[in-house]
Amino acid sequence: MIRPAGQKVKAGCLFERFRFGGSSKKRQDIMQLLTSEQESQLLTNGKKQAAVRGTADEIDFEPVVKLFNPYGPGTWLLTELDPEQPDIAFGLADLGYPELGSISMSELKEWRHPLLGQGIERDLYWSPQRTLSAYADEARKAGYIAA
């Protein structure tokens, strides 16, 4: 990088540029993890599930959205947002081994590749073909989420 004579380099400047791919605000705004329609559907699913959680009537939803790490391990199929804590989603996650559980949306939004600055992305062209439990069963057999 060429700097005008006399310009000082701020400590950590290069790190921040790589960490966030330039301007952190611009990079973070490129991809929203959820559309408003997806967020609404996830909350609706969460409310329906809250009413029957822990009973034989629990609902096996189709995933609403697929998120992924474009540079390494990390795939998430989400079915619900907790209506009392909408930052917490439920779904199938694969960070090297697939498992069902809760996911912090804020952690997914904040994560960035340490060198490239790229974050988690939403698969724009994915649509569910089966329920979450069917994806989970398939993923356990295969050792990864095939979606």
N, C-alpha and C. Protein backbone atom coordinates (compact mmCIF):
# COMPACT_ATOMS: atom_id res chain seq x y z
N MET A 1 0.85 -1.17 0.00
CA MET A 1 0.00 0.00 0.00
C MET A 1 0.90 1.24 0.00
N ILE A 2 0.63 2.17 -0.88
CA ILE A 2 1.40 3.41 -0.95
C ILE A 2 0.67 4.48 -0.16
N ARG A 3 1.42 5.16 0.75
CA ARG A 3 0.85 6.23 1.57
C ARG A 3 1.53 7.53 1.21
N PRO A 4 0.79 8.63 1.28
CA PRO A 4 1.43 9.93 1.09
C PRO A 4 2.50 10.16 2.16
N ALA A 5 3.54 10.88 1.81
CA ALA A 5 4.64 11.16 2.75
C ALA A 5 4.08 11.77 4.02
N GLY A 6 4.56 11.27 5.14
CA GLY A 6 4.17 11.83 6.43
C GLY A 6 2.92 11.19 7.03
N GLN A 7 2.17 10.39 6.27
CA GLN A 7 0.97 9.77 6.81
C GLN A 7 1.36 8.59 7.69
N LYS A 8 0.82 8.56 8.90
CA LYS A 8 1.11 7.48 9.84
C LYS A 8 0.14 6.33 9.63
N VAL A 9 0.63 5.14 9.91
CA VAL A 9 -0.20 3.95 9.83
C VAL A 9 -0.72 3.65 11.22
N LYS A 10 -2.03 3.49 11.34
CA LYS A 10 -2.62 3.16 12.63
C LYS A 10 -2.36 1.70 12.96
N ALA A 11 -2.06 1.45 14.22
CA ALA A 11 -1.86 0.06 14.66
C ALA A 11 -3.15 -0.72 14.44
N GLY A 12 -3.03 -1.89 13.88
CA GLY A 12 -4.19 -2.74 13.67
C GLY A 12 -4.96 -2.43 12.40
N CYS A 13 -4.56 -1.42 11.66
CA CYS A 13 -5.29 -1.01 10.46
C CYS A 13 -5.34 -2.14 9.43
N LEU A 14 -4.19 -2.76 9.17
CA LEU A 14 -4.14 -3.82 8.18
C LEU A 14 -4.97 -5.02 8.65
N PHE A 15 -4.87 -5.33 9.94
CA PHE A 15 -5.65 -6.43 10.49
C PHE A 15 -7.14 -6.18 10.28
N GLU A 16 -7.60 -4.99 10.60
CA GLU A 16 -9.01 -4.67 10.46
C GLU A 16 -9.45 -4.76 9.00
N ARG A 17 -8.59 -4.34 8.10
CA ARG A 17 -8.93 -4.39 6.68
C ARG A 17 -9.11 -5.84 6.22
N PHE A 18 -8.22 -6.73 6.64
CA PHE A 18 -8.35 -8.14 6.28
C PHE A 18 -9.51 -8.78 7.03
N ARG A 19 -9.63 -8.45 8.30
CA ARG A 19 -10.66 -9.08 9.12
C ARG A 19 -12.05 -8.78 8.60
N PHE A 20 -12.28 -7.55 8.17
CA PHE A 20 -13.60 -7.16 7.73
C PHE A 20 -13.70 -6.89 6.24
N GLY A 21 -12.65 -7.20 5.48
CA GLY A 21 -12.71 -7.02 4.04
C GLY A 21 -12.84 -5.56 3.65
N GLY A 22 -12.14 -4.69 4.31
CA GLY A 22 -12.25 -3.25 4.04
C GLY A 22 -13.07 -2.62 5.14
N SER A 23 -14.08 -1.89 4.76
CA SER A 23 -14.94 -1.24 5.73
C SER A 23 -15.86 -2.26 6.38
N SER A 24 -15.78 -2.38 7.70
CA SER A 24 -16.57 -3.39 8.38
C SER A 24 -18.07 -3.13 8.22
N LYS A 25 -18.51 -1.90 8.26
CA LYS A 25 -19.94 -1.61 8.14
C LYS A 25 -20.44 -1.99 6.75
N LYS A 26 -19.71 -1.62 5.72
CA LYS A 26 -20.14 -1.97 4.37
C LYS A 26 -20.19 -3.47 4.19
N ARG A 27 -19.18 -4.19 4.66
CA ARG A 27 -19.10 -5.63 4.48
C ARG A 27 -20.24 -6.32 5.25
N GLN A 28 -20.53 -5.85 6.45
CA GLN A 28 -21.58 -6.48 7.25
C GLN A 28 -22.96 -6.27 6.64
N ASP A 29 -23.16 -5.20 5.90
CA ASP A 29 -24.46 -4.90 5.34
C ASP A 29 -24.71 -5.60 4.00
N ILE A 30 -23.71 -6.25 3.44
CA ILE A 30 -23.86 -6.87 2.14
C ILE A 30 -24.92 -7.97 2.16
N MET A 31 -24.90 -8.83 3.13
CA MET A 31 -25.81 -9.96 3.16
C MET A 31 -26.58 -9.99 4.47
N GLN A 32 -27.88 -9.85 4.39
CA GLN A 32 -28.71 -10.07 5.56
C GLN A 32 -28.91 -11.57 5.67
N LEU A 33 -28.79 -12.09 6.88
CA LEU A 33 -28.95 -13.53 7.03
C LEU A 33 -30.39 -13.98 6.81
N LEU A 34 -31.35 -13.14 7.18
CA LEU A 34 -32.75 -13.50 7.03
C LEU A 34 -33.51 -12.39 6.33
N THR A 35 -34.39 -12.74 5.42
CA THR A 35 -35.31 -11.75 4.86
C THR A 35 -36.40 -11.51 5.91
N SER A 36 -37.17 -10.47 5.75
CA SER A 36 -38.25 -10.20 6.72
C SER A 36 -39.29 -11.33 6.67
N GLU A 37 -39.52 -11.90 5.50
CA GLU A 37 -40.47 -13.02 5.38
C GLU A 37 -39.96 -14.25 6.12
N GLN A 38 -38.66 -14.53 5.99
CA GLN A 38 -38.08 -15.69 6.68
C GLN A 38 -38.11 -15.48 8.19
N GLU A 39 -37.76 -14.29 8.62
CA GLU A 39 -37.79 -14.00 10.06
C GLU A 39 -39.20 -14.16 10.62
N SER A 40 -40.18 -13.67 9.88
CA SER A 40 -41.58 -13.79 10.30
C SER A 40 -42.00 -15.26 10.38
N GLN A 41 -41.62 -16.06 9.38
CA GLN A 41 -41.98 -17.48 9.38
C GLN A 41 -41.27 -18.22 10.52
N LEU A 42 -40.01 -17.89 10.77
CA LEU A 42 -39.28 -18.52 11.88
C LEU A 42 -39.93 -18.20 13.22
N LEU A 43 -40.38 -16.95 13.40
CA LEU A 43 -41.05 -16.56 14.65
C LEU A 43 -42.41 -17.26 14.78
N THR A 44 -43.15 -17.34 13.67
CA THR A 44 -44.43 -18.04 13.69
C THR A 44 -44.24 -19.50 14.07
N ASN A 45 -43.22 -20.14 13.46
CA ASN A 45 -42.92 -21.53 13.81
C ASN A 45 -42.54 -21.66 15.28
N GLY A 46 -41.76 -20.70 15.78
CA GLY A 46 -41.35 -20.73 17.18
C GLY A 46 -42.53 -20.62 18.12
N LYS A 47 -43.50 -19.78 17.78
CA LYS A 47 -44.71 -19.63 18.61
C LYS A 47 -45.53 -20.92 18.60
N LYS A 48 -45.68 -21.51 17.41
CA LYS A 48 -46.43 -22.78 17.31
C LYS A 48 -45.74 -23.87 18.11
N GLN A 49 -44.42 -23.93 18.03
CA GLN A 49 -43.66 -24.97 18.73
C GLN A 49 -43.70 -24.76 20.24
N ALA A 50 -43.65 -23.51 20.67
CA ALA A 50 -43.66 -23.21 22.11
C ALA A 50 -44.92 -23.76 22.78
N ALA A 51 -46.02 -23.75 22.06
CA ALA A 51 -47.28 -24.22 22.61
C ALA A 51 -47.31 -25.73 22.81
N VAL A 52 -46.49 -26.48 22.07
CA VAL A 52 -46.52 -27.94 22.15
C VAL A 52 -45.19 -28.57 22.56
N ARG A 53 -44.19 -27.73 22.86
CA ARG A 53 -42.85 -28.24 23.21
C ARG A 53 -42.93 -29.19 24.39
N GLY A 54 -42.23 -30.31 24.27
CA GLY A 54 -42.19 -31.29 25.35
C GLY A 54 -43.36 -32.26 25.32
N THR A 55 -44.21 -32.18 24.31
CA THR A 55 -45.35 -33.09 24.20
C THR A 55 -45.18 -33.95 22.95
N ALA A 56 -46.07 -34.90 22.80
CA ALA A 56 -46.06 -35.75 21.61
C ALA A 56 -46.49 -34.97 20.37
N ASP A 57 -46.99 -33.76 20.56
CA ASP A 57 -47.48 -32.95 19.43
C ASP A 57 -46.44 -31.99 18.88
N GLU A 58 -45.16 -32.13 19.29
CA GLU A 58 -44.13 -31.23 18.74
C GLU A 58 -44.16 -31.30 17.22
N ILE A 59 -43.89 -30.18 16.58
CA ILE A 59 -44.02 -30.05 15.13
C ILE A 59 -42.66 -30.23 14.47
N ASP A 60 -42.64 -31.02 13.43
CA ASP A 60 -41.42 -31.24 12.64
C ASP A 60 -41.52 -30.36 11.39
N PHE A 61 -41.03 -29.13 11.50
CA PHE A 61 -41.12 -28.16 10.40
C PHE A 61 -40.13 -28.46 9.30
N GLU A 62 -40.44 -27.98 8.10
CA GLU A 62 -39.42 -27.90 7.06
C GLU A 62 -38.55 -26.71 7.40
N PRO A 63 -37.26 -26.78 7.13
CA PRO A 63 -36.40 -25.61 7.37
C PRO A 63 -36.89 -24.41 6.55
N VAL A 64 -36.70 -23.24 7.12
CA VAL A 64 -37.11 -22.00 6.47
C VAL A 64 -35.96 -21.41 5.67
N VAL A 65 -34.73 -21.59 6.16
CA VAL A 65 -33.57 -20.96 5.53
C VAL A 65 -32.34 -21.84 5.72
N LYS A 66 -31.46 -21.77 4.73
CA LYS A 66 -30.15 -22.45 4.82
C LYS A 66 -29.08 -21.37 4.84
N LEU A 67 -28.23 -21.41 5.86
CA LEU A 67 -27.08 -20.52 5.97
C LEU A 67 -25.82 -21.36 5.82
N PHE A 68 -24.75 -20.74 5.34
CA PHE A 68 -23.51 -21.50 5.16
C PHE A 68 -22.30 -20.58 5.23
N ASN A 69 -21.16 -21.20 5.52
CA ASN A 69 -19.87 -20.51 5.51
C ASN A 69 -19.26 -20.78 4.13
N PRO A 70 -19.07 -19.75 3.30
CA PRO A 70 -18.57 -19.99 1.95
C PRO A 70 -17.10 -20.41 1.89
N TYR A 71 -16.37 -20.34 3.01
CA TYR A 71 -14.94 -20.64 2.99
C TYR A 71 -14.53 -21.78 3.90
N GLY A 72 -15.47 -22.56 4.37
CA GLY A 72 -15.10 -23.66 5.25
C GLY A 72 -16.30 -24.33 5.84
N PRO A 73 -16.08 -25.10 6.90
CA PRO A 73 -17.20 -25.82 7.50
C PRO A 73 -18.22 -24.87 8.10
N GLY A 74 -19.45 -25.25 8.01
CA GLY A 74 -20.52 -24.47 8.61
C GLY A 74 -21.74 -24.42 7.71
N THR A 75 -22.76 -25.20 8.08
CA THR A 75 -24.05 -25.18 7.41
C THR A 75 -25.12 -25.21 8.48
N TRP A 76 -26.16 -24.40 8.30
CA TRP A 76 -27.25 -24.33 9.26
C TRP A 76 -28.57 -24.36 8.51
N LEU A 77 -29.49 -25.24 8.93
CA LEU A 77 -30.86 -25.27 8.44
C LEU A 77 -31.75 -24.86 9.61
N LEU A 78 -32.41 -23.72 9.50
CA LEU A 78 -33.15 -23.17 10.63
C LEU A 78 -34.66 -23.33 10.44
N THR A 79 -35.34 -23.70 11.53
CA THR A 79 -36.79 -23.89 11.47
C THR A 79 -37.56 -22.90 12.34
N GLU A 80 -36.93 -22.38 13.39
CA GLU A 80 -37.68 -21.56 14.36
C GLU A 80 -36.79 -20.49 14.98
N LEU A 81 -37.44 -19.42 15.43
CA LEU A 81 -36.83 -18.45 16.34
C LEU A 81 -37.61 -18.49 17.63
N ASP A 82 -36.91 -18.45 18.75
CA ASP A 82 -37.56 -18.45 20.06
C ASP A 82 -38.35 -17.15 20.20
N PRO A 83 -39.67 -17.22 20.42
CA PRO A 83 -40.46 -15.98 20.52
C PRO A 83 -40.09 -15.11 21.72
N GLU A 84 -39.53 -15.72 22.77
CA GLU A 84 -39.12 -14.94 23.94
C GLU A 84 -37.70 -14.42 23.82
N GLN A 85 -36.87 -15.07 23.01
CA GLN A 85 -35.50 -14.65 22.75
C GLN A 85 -35.25 -14.78 21.25
N PRO A 86 -35.71 -13.82 20.46
CA PRO A 86 -35.63 -13.96 19.00
C PRO A 86 -34.22 -14.00 18.43
N ASP A 87 -33.21 -13.85 19.25
CA ASP A 87 -31.83 -14.01 18.78
C ASP A 87 -31.44 -15.49 18.75
N ILE A 88 -32.26 -16.34 19.35
CA ILE A 88 -31.95 -17.77 19.42
C ILE A 88 -32.82 -18.52 18.41
N ALA A 89 -32.15 -19.20 17.49
CA ALA A 89 -32.83 -20.01 16.49
C ALA A 89 -32.66 -21.48 16.84
N PHE A 90 -33.52 -22.31 16.25
CA PHE A 90 -33.39 -23.75 16.40
C PHE A 90 -33.24 -24.35 15.02
N GLY A 91 -32.39 -25.36 14.92
CA GLY A 91 -32.23 -26.01 13.64
C GLY A 91 -31.15 -27.07 13.68
N LEU A 92 -30.74 -27.46 12.48
CA LEU A 92 -29.68 -28.44 12.29
C LEU A 92 -28.42 -27.70 11.91
N ALA A 93 -27.35 -27.93 12.67
CA ALA A 93 -26.08 -27.25 12.41
C ALA A 93 -25.01 -28.29 12.12
N ASP A 94 -24.10 -27.93 11.23
CA ASP A 94 -22.98 -28.82 10.91
C ASP A 94 -21.70 -28.01 10.89
N LEU A 95 -20.90 -28.16 11.94
CA LEU A 95 -19.59 -27.51 12.03
C LEU A 95 -18.51 -28.58 12.04
N GLY A 96 -18.76 -29.66 11.35
CA GLY A 96 -17.87 -30.80 11.32
C GLY A 96 -18.61 -32.07 11.69
N TYR A 97 -19.72 -31.91 12.40
CA TYR A 97 -20.60 -33.02 12.74
C TYR A 97 -22.01 -32.46 12.89
N PRO A 98 -22.99 -33.03 12.19
CA PRO A 98 -24.35 -32.47 12.25
C PRO A 98 -25.04 -32.76 13.58
N GLU A 99 -25.72 -31.73 14.11
CA GLU A 99 -26.49 -31.90 15.34
C GLU A 99 -27.62 -30.88 15.40
N LEU A 100 -28.71 -31.28 16.05
CA LEU A 100 -29.84 -30.40 16.28
C LEU A 100 -29.58 -29.57 17.52
N GLY A 101 -30.01 -28.31 17.50
CA GLY A 101 -29.82 -27.49 18.68
C GLY A 101 -30.12 -26.03 18.43
N SER A 102 -29.81 -25.24 19.44
CA SER A 102 -30.03 -23.80 19.39
C SER A 102 -28.81 -23.09 18.84
N ILE A 103 -29.08 -22.00 18.14
CA ILE A 103 -28.03 -21.24 17.47
C ILE A 103 -28.23 -19.75 17.77
N SER A 104 -27.15 -19.06 18.12
CA SER A 104 -27.21 -17.62 18.34
C SER A 104 -27.11 -16.90 17.00
N MET A 105 -28.16 -16.19 16.63
CA MET A 105 -28.16 -15.45 15.37
C MET A 105 -27.12 -14.32 15.39
N SER A 106 -26.95 -13.68 16.54
CA SER A 106 -25.98 -12.58 16.62
C SER A 106 -24.56 -13.11 16.40
N GLU A 107 -24.25 -14.30 16.89
CA GLU A 107 -22.92 -14.86 16.65
C GLU A 107 -22.72 -15.17 15.17
N LEU A 108 -23.76 -15.69 14.52
CA LEU A 108 -23.65 -15.95 13.08
C LEU A 108 -23.47 -14.66 12.30
N LYS A 109 -24.18 -13.61 12.69
CA LYS A 109 -24.08 -12.32 12.00
C LYS A 109 -22.72 -11.68 12.18
N GLU A 110 -22.12 -11.86 13.35
CA GLU A 110 -20.85 -11.20 13.66
C GLU A 110 -19.63 -11.95 13.14
N TRP A 111 -19.75 -13.25 12.89
CA TRP A 111 -18.58 -14.03 12.50
C TRP A 111 -18.05 -13.56 11.15
N ARG A 112 -16.73 -13.44 11.04
CA ARG A 112 -16.05 -13.08 9.79
C ARG A 112 -14.84 -13.97 9.60
N HIS A 113 -14.56 -14.31 8.35
CA HIS A 113 -13.35 -15.05 8.03
C HIS A 113 -12.17 -14.18 8.44
N PRO A 114 -11.18 -14.72 9.14
CA PRO A 114 -10.10 -13.89 9.67
C PRO A 114 -9.25 -13.18 8.63
N LEU A 115 -9.14 -13.69 7.43
CA LEU A 115 -8.34 -13.03 6.41
C LEU A 115 -9.17 -12.34 5.34
N LEU A 116 -10.26 -12.95 4.96
CA LEU A 116 -11.04 -12.44 3.83
C LEU A 116 -12.19 -11.52 4.23
N GLY A 117 -12.58 -11.58 5.49
CA GLY A 117 -13.64 -10.70 5.97
C GLY A 117 -15.04 -11.13 5.61
N GLN A 118 -15.17 -12.22 4.89
CA GLN A 118 -16.49 -12.70 4.47
C GLN A 118 -17.21 -13.31 5.64
N GLY A 119 -18.52 -13.08 5.72
CA GLY A 119 -19.32 -13.65 6.80
C GLY A 119 -20.15 -14.83 6.34
N ILE A 120 -21.00 -15.27 7.22
CA ILE A 120 -21.94 -16.36 6.92
C ILE A 120 -22.94 -15.82 5.89
N GLU A 121 -23.36 -16.67 4.97
CA GLU A 121 -24.28 -16.25 3.92
C GLU A 121 -25.54 -17.10 3.92
N ARG A 122 -26.58 -16.54 3.32
CA ARG A 122 -27.84 -17.24 3.12
C ARG A 122 -27.83 -17.81 1.71
N ASP A 123 -28.23 -19.05 1.57
CA ASP A 123 -28.32 -19.67 0.25
C ASP A 123 -29.57 -19.13 -0.43
N LEU A 124 -29.37 -18.29 -1.41
CA LEU A 124 -30.48 -17.59 -2.07
C LEU A 124 -31.33 -18.52 -2.94
N TYR A 125 -30.78 -19.66 -3.34
CA TYR A 125 -31.48 -20.51 -4.30
C TYR A 125 -31.95 -21.84 -3.70
N TRP A 126 -31.81 -21.97 -2.39
CA TRP A 126 -32.18 -23.21 -1.72
C TRP A 126 -33.65 -23.19 -1.32
N SER A 127 -34.28 -24.33 -1.42
CA SER A 127 -35.64 -24.48 -0.90
C SER A 127 -35.73 -25.87 -0.26
N PRO A 128 -36.50 -25.99 0.83
CA PRO A 128 -36.56 -27.27 1.55
C PRO A 128 -37.26 -28.35 0.73
N GLN A 129 -36.78 -29.57 0.90
CA GLN A 129 -37.36 -30.72 0.22
C GLN A 129 -37.99 -31.72 1.20
N ARG A 130 -37.71 -31.52 2.51
CA ARG A 130 -38.23 -32.44 3.53
C ARG A 130 -38.19 -31.74 4.89
N THR A 131 -38.63 -32.44 5.92
CA THR A 131 -38.67 -31.87 7.26
C THR A 131 -37.27 -31.86 7.88
N LEU A 132 -37.15 -31.12 8.97
CA LEU A 132 -35.86 -31.02 9.65
C LEU A 132 -35.38 -32.38 10.15
N SER A 133 -36.29 -33.19 10.69
CA SER A 133 -35.87 -34.50 11.20
C SER A 133 -35.37 -35.39 10.07
N ALA A 134 -35.95 -35.27 8.89
CA ALA A 134 -35.47 -36.06 7.74
C ALA A 134 -34.07 -35.60 7.32
N TYR A 135 -33.84 -34.28 7.32
CA TYR A 135 -32.48 -33.78 7.04
C TYR A 135 -31.50 -34.27 8.10
N ALA A 136 -31.93 -34.25 9.38
CA ALA A 136 -31.05 -34.67 10.47
C ALA A 136 -30.71 -36.16 10.36
N ASP A 137 -31.70 -37.00 10.07
CA ASP A 137 -31.44 -38.44 9.91
C ASP A 137 -30.45 -38.68 8.77
N GLU A 138 -30.68 -38.00 7.66
CA GLU A 138 -29.79 -38.15 6.50
C GLU A 138 -28.38 -37.67 6.83
N ALA A 139 -28.30 -36.55 7.55
CA ALA A 139 -26.99 -35.97 7.89
C ALA A 139 -26.21 -36.88 8.85
N ARG A 140 -26.90 -37.50 9.79
CA ARG A 140 -26.23 -38.42 10.71
C ARG A 140 -25.63 -39.61 9.98
N LYS A 141 -26.36 -40.11 8.98
CA LYS A 141 -25.87 -41.25 8.20
C LYS A 141 -24.70 -40.85 7.32
N ALA A 142 -24.80 -39.67 6.69
CA ALA A 142 -23.76 -39.21 5.75
C ALA A 142 -22.58 -38.58 6.47
N GLY A 143 -22.83 -38.04 7.68
CA GLY A 143 -21.77 -37.34 8.40
C GLY A 143 -21.71 -35.86 8.09
N TYR A 144 -22.64 -35.37 7.28
CA TYR A 144 -22.71 -33.95 6.93
C TYR A 144 -24.11 -33.64 6.41
N ILE A 145 -24.46 -32.35 6.38
CA ILE A 145 -25.76 -31.94 5.86
C ILE A 145 -25.68 -31.90 4.35
N ALA A 146 -26.54 -32.65 3.70
CA ALA A 146 -26.62 -32.64 2.24
C ALA A 146 -27.91 -31.91 1.86
N ALA A 147 -27.79 -30.61 1.71
CA ALA A 147 -28.98 -29.81 1.38
C ALA A 147 -28.63 -28.78 0.34
